[in-house]
Amino acid sequence: MRVTIYGSGYVGLVTGACLAEVGNHVLCV
């Protein structure tokens, strides 16, 4: 699944890392 996270603060980056860990394609903006 492709996921875009708006707001790459601490919470956004941690969330993105967790989603990428389980196999998602993550784009942080």
PDB file of N, CA and C in Angstrom:
ATOM      1  N   MET A   1       0.854  -1.178   0.000  1.00  0.00           N
ATOM      2  CA  MET A   1       0.000   0.000   0.000  1.00  0.00           C
ATOM      3  C   MET A   1       0.894   1.233   0.000  1.00  0.00           C
ATOM      4  N   ARG A   2       0.476   2.249  -0.725  1.00  0.00           N
ATOM      5  CA  ARG A   2       1.216   3.511  -0.741  1.00  0.00           C
ATOM      6  C   ARG A   2       0.603   4.458   0.278  1.00  0.00           C
ATOM      7  N   VAL A   3       1.456   5.010   1.125  1.00  0.00           N
ATOM      8  CA  VAL A   3       1.006   5.892   2.201  1.00  0.00           C
ATOM      9  C   VAL A   3       1.771   7.200   2.106  1.00  0.00           C
ATOM     10  N   THR A   4       1.047   8.328   2.173  1.00  0.00           N
ATOM     11  CA  THR A   4       1.680   9.644   2.224  1.00  0.00           C
ATOM     12  C   THR A   4       1.394  10.260   3.578  1.00  0.00           C
ATOM     13  N   ILE A   5       2.442  10.719   4.249  1.00  0.00           N
ATOM     14  CA  ILE A   5       2.300  11.342   5.562  1.00  0.00           C
ATOM     15  C   ILE A   5       2.663  12.810   5.428  1.00  0.00           C
ATOM     16  N   TYR A   6       1.707  13.683   5.721  1.00  0.00           N
ATOM     17  CA  TYR A   6       1.954  15.121   5.685  1.00  0.00           C
ATOM     18  C   TYR A   6       2.385  15.569   7.070  1.00  0.00           C
ATOM     19  N   GLY A   7       3.514  16.226   7.124  1.00  0.00           N
ATOM     20  CA  GLY A   7       4.058  16.664   8.406  1.00  0.00           C
ATOM     21  C   GLY A   7       5.112  15.680   8.876  1.00  0.00           C
ATOM     22  N   SER A   8       6.358  15.945   8.541  1.00  0.00           N
ATOM     23  CA  SER A   8       7.437  15.013   8.875  1.00  0.00           C
ATOM     24  C   SER A   8       8.113  15.399  10.181  1.00  0.00           C
ATOM     25  N   GLY A   9       7.324  15.698  11.173  1.00  0.00           N
ATOM     26  CA  GLY A   9       7.885  15.932  12.496  1.00  0.00           C
ATOM     27  C   GLY A   9       8.222  14.602  13.143  1.00  0.00           C
ATOM     28  N   TYR A  10       8.444  14.616  14.426  1.00  0.00           N
ATOM     29  CA  TYR A  10       8.827  13.392  15.143  1.00  0.00           C
ATOM     30  C   TYR A  10       7.768  12.304  14.978  1.00  0.00           C
ATOM     31  N   VAL A  11       6.512  12.662  15.176  1.00  0.00           N
ATOM     32  CA  VAL A  11       5.434  11.670  15.107  1.00  0.00           C
ATOM     33  C   VAL A  11       5.289  11.134  13.687  1.00  0.00           C
ATOM     34  N   GLY A  12       5.367  12.014  12.697  1.00  0.00           N
ATOM     35  CA  GLY A  12       5.232  11.589  11.305  1.00  0.00           C
ATOM     36  C   GLY A  12       6.338  10.640  10.874  1.00  0.00           C
ATOM     37  N   LEU A  13       7.569  10.930  11.292  1.00  0.00           N
ATOM     38  CA  LEU A  13       8.691  10.071  10.908  1.00  0.00           C
ATOM     39  C   LEU A  13       8.620   8.715  11.593  1.00  0.00           C
ATOM     40  N   VAL A  14       8.218   8.699  12.854  1.00  0.00           N
ATOM     41  CA  VAL A  14       8.092   7.424  13.569  1.00  0.00           C
ATOM     42  C   VAL A  14       6.969   6.591  12.958  1.00  0.00           C
ATOM     43  N   THR A  15       5.847   7.236  12.648  1.00  0.00           N
ATOM     44  CA  THR A  15       4.733   6.527  12.013  1.00  0.00           C
ATOM     45  C   THR A  15       5.156   5.973  10.658  1.00  0.00           C
ATOM     46  N   GLY A  16       5.864   6.795   9.878  1.00  0.00           N
ATOM     47  CA  GLY A  16       6.345   6.349   8.572  1.00  0.00           C
ATOM     48  C   GLY A  16       7.290   5.168   8.685  1.00  0.00           C
ATOM     49  N   ALA A  17       8.174   5.208   9.667  1.00  0.00           N
ATOM     50  CA  ALA A  17       9.112   4.097   9.861  1.00  0.00           C
ATOM     51  C   ALA A  17       8.371   2.815  10.216  1.00  0.00           C
ATOM     52  N   CYS A  18       7.360   2.923  11.051  1.00  0.00           N
ATOM     53  CA  CYS A  18       6.578   1.738  11.437  1.00  0.00           C
ATOM     54  C   CYS A  18       5.816   1.177  10.242  1.00  0.00           C
ATOM     55  N   LEU A  19       5.235   2.045   9.428  1.00  0.00           N
ATOM     56  CA  LEU A  19       4.498   1.580   8.254  1.00  0.00           C
ATOM     57  C   LEU A  19       5.438   0.953   7.229  1.00  0.00           C
ATOM     58  N   ALA A  20       6.626   1.534   7.065  1.00  0.00           N
ATOM     59  CA  ALA A  20       7.591   0.976   6.117  1.00  0.00           C
ATOM     60  C   ALA A  20       8.097  -0.383   6.597  1.00  0.00           C
ATOM     61  N   GLU A  21       8.191  -0.546   7.884  1.00  0.00           N
ATOM     62  CA  GLU A  21       8.689  -1.803   8.470  1.00  0.00           C
ATOM     63  C   GLU A  21       7.797  -2.985   8.093  1.00  0.00           C
ATOM     64  N   VAL A  22       6.489  -2.746   7.983  1.00  0.00           N
ATOM     65  CA  VAL A  22       5.563  -3.841   7.668  1.00  0.00           C
ATOM     66  C   VAL A  22       5.326  -3.982   6.166  1.00  0.00           C
ATOM     67  N   GLY A  23       6.105  -3.236   5.355  1.00  0.00           N
ATOM     68  CA  GLY A  23       6.068  -3.469   3.910  1.00  0.00           C
ATOM     69  C   GLY A  23       5.305  -2.455   3.089  1.00  0.00           C
ATOM     70  N   ASN A  24       4.961  -1.307   3.652  1.00  0.00           N
ATOM     71  CA  ASN A  24       4.266  -0.280   2.885  1.00  0.00           C
ATOM     72  C   ASN A  24       5.268   0.655   2.224  1.00  0.00           C
ATOM     73  N   HIS A  25       4.839   1.301   1.130  1.00  0.00           N
ATOM     74  CA  HIS A  25       5.641   2.347   0.495  1.00  0.00           C
ATOM     75  C   HIS A  25       5.224   3.661   1.129  1.00  0.00           C
ATOM     76  N   VAL A  26       6.155   4.350   1.779  1.00  0.00           N
ATOM     77  CA  VAL A  26       5.832   5.538   2.563  1.00  0.00           C
ATOM     78  C   VAL A  26       6.516   6.755   1.962  1.00  0.00           C
ATOM     79  N   LEU A  27       5.754   7.854   1.816  1.00  0.00           N
ATOM     80  CA  LEU A  27       6.292   9.138   1.370  1.00  0.00           C
ATOM     81  C   LEU A  27       5.974  10.169   2.437  1.00  0.00           C
ATOM     82  N   CYS A  28       7.002  10.749   3.036  1.00  0.00           N
ATOM     83  CA  CYS A  28       6.811  11.791   4.049  1.00  0.00           C
ATOM     84  C   CYS A  28       7.011  13.149   3.400  1.00  0.00           C
ATOM     85  N   VAL A  29       6.031  14.023   3.569  1.00  0.00           N
ATOM     86  CA  VAL A  29       6.080  15.366   2.974  1.00  0.00           C
ATOM     87  C   VAL A  29       6.101  16.389   4.083  1.00  0.00           C
TER      88      VAL A  29
END
